[in-house]
């Protein structure tokens, strides 16, 4: 199946920020999932 997660910021996000998604399963360390630069087109994903 599919899900769409949203993350809303309380205010304007500066253009220099990088935003990311992480996840943590029970008993495991927090893991990087995906990231995106707030300006430009760069993005990065976990394998």
ModelCIF file with pLDDT and N, C-alpha, C, O atoms, coordinates in Angstrom:
data_MODEL
#
_entry.id   MODEL 
#
_entity.id                         1 
_entity.type                       polymer 
_entity.pdbx_number_of_molecules   1 
#
_entity_poly.entity_id                      1 
_entity_poly.type                           'polypeptide(L)' 
_entity_poly.nstd_linkage                   no 
_entity_poly.nstd_monomer                   no 
_entity_poly.pdbx_seq_one_letter_code       
;(UNK)(UNK)(UNK)(UNK)(UNK)(UNK)(UNK)(UNK)(UNK)(UNK)(UNK)(UNK)(UNK)(UNK)(UNK)(UNK)
(UNK)(UNK)(UNK)(UNK)(UNK)(UNK)(UNK)(UNK)(UNK)(UNK)(UNK)(UNK)(UNK)(UNK)(UNK)(UNK)
(UNK)(UNK)(UNK)(UNK)(UNK)(UNK)(UNK)(UNK)(UNK)(UNK)(UNK)(UNK)(UNK)(UNK)(UNK)
;
_entity_poly.pdbx_seq_one_letter_code_can   XXXXXXXXXXXXXXXXXXXXXXXXXXXXXXXXXXXXXXXXXXXXXXX 
_entity_poly.pdbx_strand_id                 A 
#
loop_
_entity_poly_seq.entity_id 
_entity_poly_seq.num 
_entity_poly_seq.mon_id 
_entity_poly_seq.hetero 
1 1  UNK n 
1 2  UNK n 
1 3  UNK n 
1 4  UNK n 
1 5  UNK n 
1 6  UNK n 
1 7  UNK n 
1 8  UNK n 
1 9  UNK n 
1 10 UNK n 
1 11 UNK n 
1 12 UNK n 
1 13 UNK n 
1 14 UNK n 
1 15 UNK n 
1 16 UNK n 
1 17 UNK n 
1 18 UNK n 
1 19 UNK n 
1 20 UNK n 
1 21 UNK n 
1 22 UNK n 
1 23 UNK n 
1 24 UNK n 
1 25 UNK n 
1 26 UNK n 
1 27 UNK n 
1 28 UNK n 
1 29 UNK n 
1 30 UNK n 
1 31 UNK n 
1 32 UNK n 
1 33 UNK n 
1 34 UNK n 
1 35 UNK n 
1 36 UNK n 
1 37 UNK n 
1 38 UNK n 
1 39 UNK n 
1 40 UNK n 
1 41 UNK n 
1 42 UNK n 
1 43 UNK n 
1 44 UNK n 
1 45 UNK n 
1 46 UNK n 
1 47 UNK n 
#
_struct_asym.id          A 
_struct_asym.entity_id   1 
#
loop_
_ma_qa_metric.id 
_ma_qa_metric.mode 
_ma_qa_metric.name 
_ma_qa_metric.software_group_id 
_ma_qa_metric.type 
1 global pLDDT . pLDDT 
2 local  pLDDT . pLDDT 
#
_ma_qa_metric_global.metric_id      1 
_ma_qa_metric_global.metric_value   94.28 
_ma_qa_metric_global.model_id       1 
_ma_qa_metric_global.ordinal_id     1 
#
loop_
_ma_qa_metric_local.label_asym_id 
_ma_qa_metric_local.label_comp_id 
_ma_qa_metric_local.label_seq_id 
_ma_qa_metric_local.metric_id 
_ma_qa_metric_local.metric_value 
_ma_qa_metric_local.model_id 
_ma_qa_metric_local.ordinal_id 
A UNK 1  2 98.00 1 1  
A UNK 2  2 98.00 1 2  
A UNK 3  2 98.00 1 3  
A UNK 4  2 98.00 1 4  
A UNK 5  2 98.00 1 5  
A UNK 6  2 98.00 1 6  
A UNK 7  2 97.00 1 7  
A UNK 8  2 97.00 1 8  
A UNK 9  2 95.00 1 9  
A UNK 10 2 93.00 1 10 
A UNK 11 2 84.00 1 11 
A UNK 12 2 87.00 1 12 
A UNK 13 2 89.00 1 13 
A UNK 14 2 88.00 1 14 
A UNK 15 2 87.00 1 15 
A UNK 16 2 89.00 1 16 
A UNK 17 2 91.00 1 17 
A UNK 18 2 94.00 1 18 
A UNK 19 2 95.00 1 19 
A UNK 20 2 97.00 1 20 
A UNK 21 2 98.00 1 21 
A UNK 22 2 98.00 1 22 
A UNK 23 2 98.00 1 23 
A UNK 24 2 98.00 1 24 
A UNK 25 2 97.00 1 25 
A UNK 26 2 93.00 1 26 
A UNK 27 2 94.00 1 27 
A UNK 28 2 96.00 1 28 
A UNK 29 2 96.00 1 29 
A UNK 30 2 97.00 1 30 
A UNK 31 2 97.00 1 31 
A UNK 32 2 98.00 1 32 
A UNK 33 2 98.00 1 33 
A UNK 34 2 98.00 1 34 
A UNK 35 2 97.00 1 35 
A UNK 36 2 95.00 1 36 
A UNK 37 2 92.00 1 37 
A UNK 38 2 89.00 1 38 
A UNK 39 2 88.00 1 39 
A UNK 40 2 83.00 1 40 
A UNK 41 2 83.00 1 41 
A UNK 42 2 91.00 1 42 
A UNK 43 2 95.00 1 43 
A UNK 44 2 97.00 1 44 
A UNK 45 2 98.00 1 45 
A UNK 46 2 98.00 1 46 
A UNK 47 2 98.00 1 47 
#
loop_
_atom_site.group_PDB 
_atom_site.id 
_atom_site.type_symbol 
_atom_site.label_atom_id 
_atom_site.label_alt_id 
_atom_site.label_comp_id 
_atom_site.label_asym_id 
_atom_site.label_entity_id 
_atom_site.label_seq_id 
_atom_site.pdbx_PDB_ins_code 
_atom_site.Cartn_x 
_atom_site.Cartn_y 
_atom_site.Cartn_z 
_atom_site.occupancy 
_atom_site.B_iso_or_equiv 
_atom_site.pdbx_formal_charge 
_atom_site.auth_seq_id 
_atom_site.auth_comp_id 
_atom_site.auth_asym_id 
_atom_site.auth_atom_id 
_atom_site.pdbx_PDB_model_num 
ATOM 1   N N  . UNK A 1 1  ? 0.803  -1.207 0.000  1.00 98.00 ? 1  UNK A N  1 
ATOM 2   C CA . UNK A 1 1  ? 0.000  0.000  0.000  1.00 98.00 ? 1  UNK A CA 1 
ATOM 3   C C  . UNK A 1 1  ? 0.836  1.256  0.000  1.00 98.00 ? 1  UNK A C  1 
ATOM 4   O O  . UNK A 1 1  ? 2.063  1.210  -0.089 1.00 98.00 ? 1  UNK A O  1 
ATOM 5   N N  . UNK A 1 2  ? 0.147  2.384  0.102  1.00 98.00 ? 2  UNK A N  1 
ATOM 6   C CA . UNK A 1 2  ? 0.798  3.685  0.034  1.00 98.00 ? 2  UNK A CA 1 
ATOM 7   C C  . UNK A 1 2  ? 0.318  4.593  1.149  1.00 98.00 ? 2  UNK A C  1 
ATOM 8   O O  . UNK A 1 2  ? -0.810 4.478  1.630  1.00 98.00 ? 2  UNK A O  1 
ATOM 9   N N  . UNK A 1 3  ? 1.190  5.487  1.546  1.00 98.00 ? 3  UNK A N  1 
ATOM 10  C CA . UNK A 1 3  ? 0.864  6.554  2.476  1.00 98.00 ? 3  UNK A CA 1 
ATOM 11  C C  . UNK A 1 3  ? 1.599  7.809  2.039  1.00 98.00 ? 3  UNK A C  1 
ATOM 12  O O  . UNK A 1 3  ? 2.656  7.741  1.412  1.00 98.00 ? 3  UNK A O  1 
ATOM 13  N N  . UNK A 1 4  ? 1.029  8.945  2.375  1.00 98.00 ? 4  UNK A N  1 
ATOM 14  C CA . UNK A 1 4  ? 1.681  10.216 2.127  1.00 98.00 ? 4  UNK A CA 1 
ATOM 15  C C  . UNK A 1 4  ? 1.809  10.967 3.441  1.00 98.00 ? 4  UNK A C  1 
ATOM 16  O O  . UNK A 1 4  ? 0.807  11.331 4.057  1.00 98.00 ? 4  UNK A O  1 
ATOM 17  N N  . UNK A 1 5  ? 3.026  11.194 3.862  1.00 98.00 ? 5  UNK A N  1 
ATOM 18  C CA . UNK A 1 5  ? 3.293  11.939 5.070  1.00 98.00 ? 5  UNK A CA 1 
ATOM 19  C C  . UNK A 1 5  ? 3.491  13.411 4.751  1.00 98.00 ? 5  UNK A C  1 
ATOM 20  O O  . UNK A 1 5  ? 4.030  13.769 3.704  1.00 98.00 ? 5  UNK A O  1 
ATOM 21  N N  . UNK A 1 6  ? 3.052  14.248 5.660  1.00 98.00 ? 6  UNK A N  1 
ATOM 22  C CA . UNK A 1 6  ? 3.234  15.683 5.529  1.00 98.00 ? 6  UNK A CA 1 
ATOM 23  C C  . UNK A 1 6  ? 3.968  16.219 6.742  1.00 98.00 ? 6  UNK A C  1 
ATOM 24  O O  . UNK A 1 6  ? 3.819  15.703 7.850  1.00 98.00 ? 6  UNK A O  1 
ATOM 25  N N  . UNK A 1 7  ? 4.746  17.237 6.529  1.00 97.00 ? 7  UNK A N  1 
ATOM 26  C CA . UNK A 1 7  ? 5.445  17.928 7.608  1.00 97.00 ? 7  UNK A CA 1 
ATOM 27  C C  . UNK A 1 7  ? 5.289  19.413 7.386  1.00 97.00 ? 7  UNK A C  1 
ATOM 28  O O  . UNK A 1 7  ? 5.845  19.973 6.441  1.00 97.00 ? 7  UNK A O  1 
ATOM 29  N N  . UNK A 1 8  ? 4.536  20.046 8.252  1.00 97.00 ? 8  UNK A N  1 
ATOM 30  C CA . UNK A 1 8  ? 4.272  21.466 8.143  1.00 97.00 ? 8  UNK A CA 1 
ATOM 31  C C  . UNK A 1 8  ? 5.113  22.242 9.146  1.00 97.00 ? 8  UNK A C  1 
ATOM 32  O O  . UNK A 1 8  ? 5.169  21.891 10.325 1.00 97.00 ? 8  UNK A O  1 
ATOM 33  N N  . UNK A 1 9  ? 5.756  23.282 8.680  1.00 95.00 ? 9  UNK A N  1 
ATOM 34  C CA . UNK A 1 9  ? 6.532  24.158 9.541  1.00 95.00 ? 9  UNK A CA 1 
ATOM 35  C C  . UNK A 1 9  ? 5.669  25.300 10.047 1.00 95.00 ? 9  UNK A C  1 
ATOM 36  O O  . UNK A 1 9  ? 4.738  25.743 9.375  1.00 95.00 ? 9  UNK A O  1 
ATOM 37  N N  . UNK A 1 10 ? 5.994  25.767 11.242 1.00 93.00 ? 10 UNK A N  1 
ATOM 38  C CA . UNK A 1 10 ? 5.208  26.830 11.855 1.00 93.00 ? 10 UNK A CA 1 
ATOM 39  C C  . UNK A 1 10 ? 5.347  28.161 11.145 1.00 93.00 ? 10 UNK A C  1 
ATOM 40  O O  . UNK A 1 10 ? 4.462  29.012 11.233 1.00 93.00 ? 10 UNK A O  1 
ATOM 41  N N  . UNK A 1 11 ? 6.441  28.344 10.448 1.00 84.00 ? 11 UNK A N  1 
ATOM 42  C CA . UNK A 1 11 ? 6.690  29.576 9.725  1.00 84.00 ? 11 UNK A CA 1 
ATOM 43  C C  . UNK A 1 11 ? 7.468  29.313 8.459  1.00 84.00 ? 11 UNK A C  1 
ATOM 44  O O  . UNK A 1 11 ? 7.702  28.165 8.082  1.00 84.00 ? 11 UNK A O  1 
ATOM 45  N N  . UNK A 1 12 ? 7.861  30.374 7.816  1.00 87.00 ? 12 UNK A N  1 
ATOM 46  C CA . UNK A 1 12 ? 8.595  30.246 6.566  1.00 87.00 ? 12 UNK A CA 1 
ATOM 47  C C  . UNK A 1 12 ? 9.929  29.558 6.800  1.00 87.00 ? 12 UNK A C  1 
ATOM 48  O O  . UNK A 1 12 ? 10.641 29.873 7.754  1.00 87.00 ? 12 UNK A O  1 
ATOM 49  N N  . UNK A 1 13 ? 10.258 28.634 5.942  1.00 89.00 ? 13 UNK A N  1 
ATOM 50  C CA . UNK A 1 13 ? 11.520 27.908 6.021  1.00 89.00 ? 13 UNK A CA 1 
ATOM 51  C C  . UNK A 1 13 ? 12.560 28.666 5.207  1.00 89.00 ? 13 UNK A C  1 
ATOM 52  O O  . UNK A 1 13 ? 12.351 28.904 4.018  1.00 89.00 ? 13 UNK A O  1 
ATOM 53  N N  . UNK A 1 14 ? 13.675 29.048 5.820  1.00 88.00 ? 14 UNK A N  1 
ATOM 54  C CA . UNK A 1 14 ? 14.711 29.761 5.072  1.00 88.00 ? 14 UNK A CA 1 
ATOM 55  C C  . UNK A 1 14 ? 15.238 28.943 3.906  1.00 88.00 ? 14 UNK A C  1 
ATOM 56  O O  . UNK A 1 14 ? 15.280 27.714 3.962  1.00 88.00 ? 14 UNK A O  1 
ATOM 57  N N  . UNK A 1 15 ? 15.633 29.628 2.864  1.00 87.00 ? 15 UNK A N  1 
ATOM 58  C CA . UNK A 1 15 ? 16.065 28.968 1.639  1.00 87.00 ? 15 UNK A CA 1 
ATOM 59  C C  . UNK A 1 15 ? 17.312 28.122 1.829  1.00 87.00 ? 15 UNK A C  1 
ATOM 60  O O  . UNK A 1 15 ? 17.554 27.205 1.045  1.00 87.00 ? 15 UNK A O  1 
ATOM 61  N N  . UNK A 1 16 ? 18.101 28.406 2.842  1.00 89.00 ? 16 UNK A N  1 
ATOM 62  C CA . UNK A 1 16 ? 19.336 27.668 3.068  1.00 89.00 ? 16 UNK A CA 1 
ATOM 63  C C  . UNK A 1 16 ? 19.128 26.359 3.826  1.00 89.00 ? 16 UNK A C  1 
ATOM 64  O O  . UNK A 1 16 ? 20.075 25.586 3.970  1.00 89.00 ? 16 UNK A O  1 
ATOM 65  N N  . UNK A 1 17 ? 17.933 26.093 4.308  1.00 91.00 ? 17 UNK A N  1 
ATOM 66  C CA . UNK A 1 17 ? 17.690 24.888 5.098  1.00 91.00 ? 17 UNK A CA 1 
ATOM 67  C C  . UNK A 1 17 ? 17.655 23.639 4.231  1.00 91.00 ? 17 UNK A C  1 
ATOM 68  O O  . UNK A 1 17 ? 17.337 23.682 3.043  1.00 91.00 ? 17 UNK A O  1 
ATOM 69  N N  . UNK A 1 18 ? 17.991 22.530 4.867  1.00 94.00 ? 18 UNK A N  1 
ATOM 70  C CA . UNK A 1 18 ? 17.763 21.206 4.323  1.00 94.00 ? 18 UNK A CA 1 
ATOM 71  C C  . UNK A 1 18 ? 16.709 20.528 5.188  1.00 94.00 ? 18 UNK A C  1 
ATOM 72  O O  . UNK A 1 18 ? 16.794 20.552 6.416  1.00 94.00 ? 18 UNK A O  1 
ATOM 73  N N  . UNK A 1 19 ? 15.730 19.932 4.553  1.00 95.00 ? 19 UNK A N  1 
ATOM 74  C CA . UNK A 1 19 ? 14.674 19.232 5.260  1.00 95.00 ? 19 UNK A CA 1 
ATOM 75  C C  . UNK A 1 19 ? 14.820 17.738 5.022  1.00 95.00 ? 19 UNK A C  1 
ATOM 76  O O  . UNK A 1 19 ? 15.152 17.304 3.919  1.00 95.00 ? 19 UNK A O  1 
ATOM 77  N N  . UNK A 1 20 ? 14.570 16.959 6.059  1.00 97.00 ? 20 UNK A N  1 
ATOM 78  C CA . UNK A 1 20 ? 14.749 15.528 5.938  1.00 97.00 ? 20 UNK A CA 1 
ATOM 79  C C  . UNK A 1 20 ? 13.678 14.724 6.633  1.00 97.00 ? 20 UNK A C  1 
ATOM 80  O O  . UNK A 1 20 ? 12.975 15.218 7.516  1.00 97.00 ? 20 UNK A O  1 
ATOM 81  N N  . UNK A 1 21 ? 13.566 13.481 6.221  1.00 98.00 ? 21 UNK A N  1 
ATOM 82  C CA . UNK A 1 21 ? 12.722 12.490 6.874  1.00 98.00 ? 21 UNK A CA 1 
ATOM 83  C C  . UNK A 1 21 ? 13.615 11.400 7.455  1.00 98.00 ? 21 UNK A C  1 
ATOM 84  O O  . UNK A 1 21 ? 14.513 10.892 6.783  1.00 98.00 ? 21 UNK A O  1 
ATOM 85  N N  . UNK A 1 22 ? 13.359 11.052 8.695  1.00 98.00 ? 22 UNK A N  1 
ATOM 86  C CA . UNK A 1 22 ? 14.024 9.949  9.372  1.00 98.00 ? 22 UNK A CA 1 
ATOM 87  C C  . UNK A 1 22 ? 12.970 8.988  9.895  1.00 98.00 ? 22 UNK A C  1 
ATOM 88  O O  . UNK A 1 22 ? 11.789 9.328  9.976  1.00 98.00 ? 22 UNK A O  1 
ATOM 89  N N  . UNK A 1 23 ? 13.400 7.801  10.245 1.00 98.00 ? 23 UNK A N  1 
ATOM 90  C CA . UNK A 1 23 ? 12.487 6.850  10.852 1.00 98.00 ? 23 UNK A CA 1 
ATOM 91  C C  . UNK A 1 23 ? 13.221 6.041  11.909 1.00 98.00 ? 23 UNK A C  1 
ATOM 92  O O  . UNK A 1 23 ? 14.439 5.867  11.847 1.00 98.00 ? 23 UNK A O  1 
ATOM 93  N N  . UNK A 1 24 ? 12.466 5.555  12.869 1.00 98.00 ? 24 UNK A N  1 
ATOM 94  C CA . UNK A 1 24 ? 13.029 4.748  13.930 1.00 98.00 ? 24 UNK A CA 1 
ATOM 95  C C  . UNK A 1 24 ? 12.058 3.637  14.284 1.00 98.00 ? 24 UNK A C  1 
ATOM 96  O O  . UNK A 1 24 ? 10.934 3.889  14.719 1.00 98.00 ? 24 UNK A O  1 
ATOM 97  N N  . UNK A 1 25 ? 12.502 2.420  14.095 1.00 97.00 ? 25 UNK A N  1 
ATOM 98  C CA . UNK A 1 25 ? 11.732 1.252  14.471 1.00 97.00 ? 25 UNK A CA 1 
ATOM 99  C C  . UNK A 1 25 ? 12.063 0.867  15.902 1.00 97.00 ? 25 UNK A C  1 
ATOM 100 O O  . UNK A 1 25 ? 13.141 1.207  16.390 1.00 97.00 ? 25 UNK A O  1 
ATOM 101 N N  . UNK A 1 26 ? 11.166 0.166  16.589 1.00 93.00 ? 26 UNK A N  1 
ATOM 102 C CA . UNK A 1 26 ? 11.434 -0.236 17.965 1.00 93.00 ? 26 UNK A CA 1 
ATOM 103 C C  . UNK A 1 26 ? 12.734 -1.018 18.095 1.00 93.00 ? 26 UNK A C  1 
ATOM 104 O O  . UNK A 1 26 ? 12.966 -1.975 17.356 1.00 93.00 ? 26 UNK A O  1 
ATOM 105 N N  . UNK A 1 27 ? 13.572 -0.613 19.029 1.00 94.00 ? 27 UNK A N  1 
ATOM 106 C CA . UNK A 1 27 ? 14.825 -1.292 19.271 1.00 94.00 ? 27 UNK A CA 1 
ATOM 107 C C  . UNK A 1 27 ? 15.917 -1.002 18.270 1.00 94.00 ? 27 UNK A C  1 
ATOM 108 O O  . UNK A 1 27 ? 16.995 -1.592 18.351 1.00 94.00 ? 27 UNK A O  1 
ATOM 109 N N  . UNK A 1 28 ? 15.673 -0.111 17.329 1.00 96.00 ? 28 UNK A N  1 
ATOM 110 C CA . UNK A 1 28 ? 16.660 0.210  16.310 1.00 96.00 ? 28 UNK A CA 1 
ATOM 111 C C  . UNK A 1 28 ? 17.021 1.688  16.355 1.00 96.00 ? 28 UNK A C  1 
ATOM 112 O O  . UNK A 1 28 ? 16.294 2.508  16.915 1.00 96.00 ? 28 UNK A O  1 
ATOM 113 N N  . UNK A 1 29 ? 18.158 2.006  15.754 1.00 96.00 ? 29 UNK A N  1 
ATOM 114 C CA . UNK A 1 29 ? 18.609 3.382  15.710 1.00 96.00 ? 29 UNK A CA 1 
ATOM 115 C C  . UNK A 1 29 ? 17.823 4.171  14.676 1.00 96.00 ? 29 UNK A C  1 
ATOM 116 O O  . UNK A 1 29 ? 17.255 3.612  13.738 1.00 96.00 ? 29 UNK A O  1 
ATOM 117 N N  . UNK A 1 30 ? 17.806 5.479  14.870 1.00 97.00 ? 30 UNK A N  1 
ATOM 118 C CA . UNK A 1 30 ? 17.138 6.344  13.922 1.00 97.00 ? 30 UNK A CA 1 
ATOM 119 C C  . UNK A 1 30 ? 17.867 6.314  12.587 1.00 97.00 ? 30 UNK A C  1 
ATOM 120 O O  . UNK A 1 30 ? 19.096 6.359  12.540 1.00 97.00 ? 30 UNK A O  1 
ATOM 121 N N  . UNK A 1 31 ? 17.111 6.239  11.517 1.00 97.00 ? 31 UNK A N  1 
ATOM 122 C CA . UNK A 1 31 ? 17.639 6.006  10.185 1.00 97.00 ? 31 UNK A CA 1 
ATOM 123 C C  . UNK A 1 31 ? 17.200 7.105  9.229  1.00 97.00 ? 31 UNK A C  1 
ATOM 124 O O  . UNK A 1 31 ? 16.032 7.495  9.211  1.00 97.00 ? 31 UNK A O  1 
ATOM 125 N N  . UNK A 1 32 ? 18.133 7.596  8.445  1.00 98.00 ? 32 UNK A N  1 
ATOM 126 C CA . UNK A 1 32 ? 17.822 8.569  7.411  1.00 98.00 ? 32 UNK A CA 1 
ATOM 127 C C  . UNK A 1 32 ? 16.988 7.923  6.322  1.00 98.00 ? 32 UNK A C  1 
ATOM 128 O O  . UNK A 1 32 ? 17.269 6.804  5.894  1.00 98.00 ? 32 UNK A O  1 
ATOM 129 N N  . UNK A 1 33 ? 15.968 8.626  5.880  1.00 98.00 ? 33 UNK A N  1 
ATOM 130 C CA . UNK A 1 33 ? 15.092 8.130  4.825  1.00 98.00 ? 33 UNK A CA 1 
ATOM 131 C C  . UNK A 1 33 ? 15.256 8.944  3.549  1.00 98.00 ? 33 UNK A C  1 
ATOM 132 O O  . UNK A 1 33 ? 15.526 8.388  2.485  1.00 98.00 ? 33 UNK A O  1 
ATOM 133 N N  . UNK A 1 34 ? 15.095 10.253 3.653  1.00 98.00 ? 34 UNK A N  1 
ATOM 134 C CA . UNK A 1 34 ? 15.177 11.118 2.486  1.00 98.00 ? 34 UNK A CA 1 
ATOM 135 C C  . UNK A 1 34 ? 15.419 12.548 2.929  1.00 98.00 ? 34 UNK A C  1 
ATOM 136 O O  . UNK A 1 34 ? 15.052 12.938 4.038  1.00 98.00 ? 34 UNK A O  1 
ATOM 137 N N  . UNK A 1 35 ? 16.037 13.323 2.058  1.00 97.00 ? 35 UNK A N  1 
ATOM 138 C CA . UNK A 1 35 ? 16.271 14.722 2.342  1.00 97.00 ? 35 UNK A CA 1 
ATOM 139 C C  . UNK A 1 35 ? 16.116 15.559 1.097  1.00 97.00 ? 35 UNK A C  1 
ATOM 140 O O  . UNK A 1 35 ? 16.270 15.065 -0.020 1.00 97.00 ? 35 UNK A O  1 
ATOM 141 N N  . UNK A 1 36 ? 15.812 16.820 1.287  1.00 95.00 ? 36 UNK A N  1 
ATOM 142 C CA . UNK A 1 36 ? 15.642 17.738 0.175  1.00 95.00 ? 36 UNK A CA 1 
ATOM 143 C C  . UNK A 1 36 ? 16.104 19.119 0.594  1.00 95.00 ? 36 UNK A C  1 
ATOM 144 O O  . UNK A 1 36 ? 15.850 19.558 1.716  1.00 95.00 ? 36 UNK A O  1 
ATOM 145 N N  . UNK A 1 37 ? 16.779 19.794 -0.305 1.00 92.00 ? 37 UNK A N  1 
ATOM 146 C CA . UNK A 1 37 ? 17.161 21.169 -0.065 1.00 92.00 ? 37 UNK A CA 1 
ATOM 147 C C  . UNK A 1 37 ? 15.961 22.070 -0.285 1.00 92.00 ? 37 UNK A C  1 
ATOM 148 O O  . UNK A 1 37 ? 15.166 21.840 -1.196 1.00 92.00 ? 37 UNK A O  1 
ATOM 149 N N  . UNK A 1 38 ? 15.824 23.108 0.555  1.00 89.00 ? 38 UNK A N  1 
ATOM 150 C CA . UNK A 1 38 ? 14.659 23.964 0.440  1.00 89.00 ? 38 UNK A CA 1 
ATOM 151 C C  . UNK A 1 38 ? 14.700 24.824 -0.811 1.00 89.00 ? 38 UNK A C  1 
ATOM 152 O O  . UNK A 1 38 ? 13.656 25.248 -1.306 1.00 89.00 ? 38 UNK A O  1 
ATOM 153 N N  . UNK A 1 39 ? 15.858 25.077 -1.310 1.00 88.00 ? 39 UNK A N  1 
ATOM 154 C CA . UNK A 1 39 ? 16.012 25.745 -2.590 1.00 88.00 ? 39 UNK A CA 1 
ATOM 155 C C  . UNK A 1 39 ? 16.827 24.859 -3.515 1.00 88.00 ? 39 UNK A C  1 
ATOM 156 O O  . UNK A 1 39 ? 17.661 24.075 -3.060 1.00 88.00 ? 39 UNK A O  1 
ATOM 157 N N  . UNK A 1 40 ? 16.590 24.981 -4.793 1.00 83.00 ? 40 UNK A N  1 
ATOM 158 C CA . UNK A 1 40 ? 17.254 24.122 -5.751 1.00 83.00 ? 40 UNK A CA 1 
ATOM 159 C C  . UNK A 1 40 ? 16.523 22.804 -5.910 1.00 83.00 ? 40 UNK A C  1 
ATOM 160 O O  . UNK A 1 40 ? 15.379 22.660 -5.479 1.00 83.00 ? 40 UNK A O  1 
ATOM 161 N N  . UNK A 1 41 ? 17.187 21.850 -6.526 1.00 83.00 ? 41 UNK A N  1 
ATOM 162 C CA . UNK A 1 41 ? 16.559 20.586 -6.883 1.00 83.00 ? 41 UNK A CA 1 
ATOM 163 C C  . UNK A 1 41 ? 17.179 19.365 -6.230 1.00 83.00 ? 41 UNK A C  1 
ATOM 164 O O  . UNK A 1 41 ? 16.778 18.243 -6.537 1.00 83.00 ? 41 UNK A O  1 
ATOM 165 N N  . UNK A 1 42 ? 18.130 19.545 -5.350 1.00 91.00 ? 42 UNK A N  1 
ATOM 166 C CA . UNK A 1 42 ? 18.851 18.421 -4.768 1.00 91.00 ? 42 UNK A CA 1 
ATOM 167 C C  . UNK A 1 42 ? 17.963 17.615 -3.830 1.00 91.00 ? 42 UNK A C  1 
ATOM 168 O O  . UNK A 1 42 ? 17.196 18.176 -3.048 1.00 91.00 ? 42 UNK A O  1 
ATOM 169 N N  . UNK A 1 43 ? 18.075 16.308 -3.916 1.00 95.00 ? 43 UNK A N  1 
ATOM 170 C CA . UNK A 1 43 ? 17.405 15.401 -3.003 1.00 95.00 ? 43 UNK A CA 1 
ATOM 171 C C  . UNK A 1 43 ? 18.273 14.176 -2.801 1.00 95.00 ? 43 UNK A C  1 
ATOM 172 O O  . UNK A 1 43 ? 19.179 13.913 -3.592 1.00 95.00 ? 43 UNK A O  1 
ATOM 173 N N  . UNK A 1 44 ? 18.000 13.429 -1.745 1.00 97.00 ? 44 UNK A N  1 
ATOM 174 C CA . UNK A 1 44 ? 18.806 12.270 -1.400 1.00 97.00 ? 44 UNK A CA 1 
ATOM 175 C C  . UNK A 1 44 ? 17.916 11.235 -0.734 1.00 97.00 ? 44 UNK A C  1 
ATOM 176 O O  . UNK A 1 44 ? 17.031 11.577 0.050  1.00 97.00 ? 44 UNK A O  1 
ATOM 177 N N  . UNK A 1 45 ? 18.156 9.958  -1.052 1.00 98.00 ? 45 UNK A N  1 
ATOM 178 C CA . UNK A 1 45 ? 17.351 8.881  -0.518 1.00 98.00 ? 45 UNK A CA 1 
ATOM 179 C C  . UNK A 1 45 ? 18.230 7.784  0.059  1.00 98.00 ? 45 UNK A C  1 
ATOM 180 O O  . UNK A 1 45 ? 19.333 7.529  -0.426 1.00 98.00 ? 45 UNK A O  1 
ATOM 181 N N  . UNK A 1 46 ? 17.727 7.147  1.093  1.00 98.00 ? 46 UNK A N  1 
ATOM 182 C CA . UNK A 1 46 ? 18.347 5.927  1.559  1.00 98.00 ? 46 UNK A CA 1 
ATOM 183 C C  . UNK A 1 46 ? 18.159 4.835  0.518  1.00 98.00 ? 46 UNK A C  1 
ATOM 184 O O  . UNK A 1 46 ? 17.142 4.795  -0.173 1.00 98.00 ? 46 UNK A O  1 
ATOM 185 N N  . UNK A 1 47 ? 19.148 3.946  0.409  1.00 98.00 ? 47 UNK A N  1 
ATOM 186 C CA . UNK A 1 47 ? 19.061 2.883  -0.586 1.00 98.00 ? 47 UNK A CA 1 
ATOM 187 C C  . UNK A 1 47 ? 17.817 2.018  -0.389 1.00 98.00 ? 47 UNK A C  1 
ATOM 188 O O  . UNK A 1 47 ? 17.595 1.074  -1.147 1.00 98.00 ? 47 UNK A O  1 
#
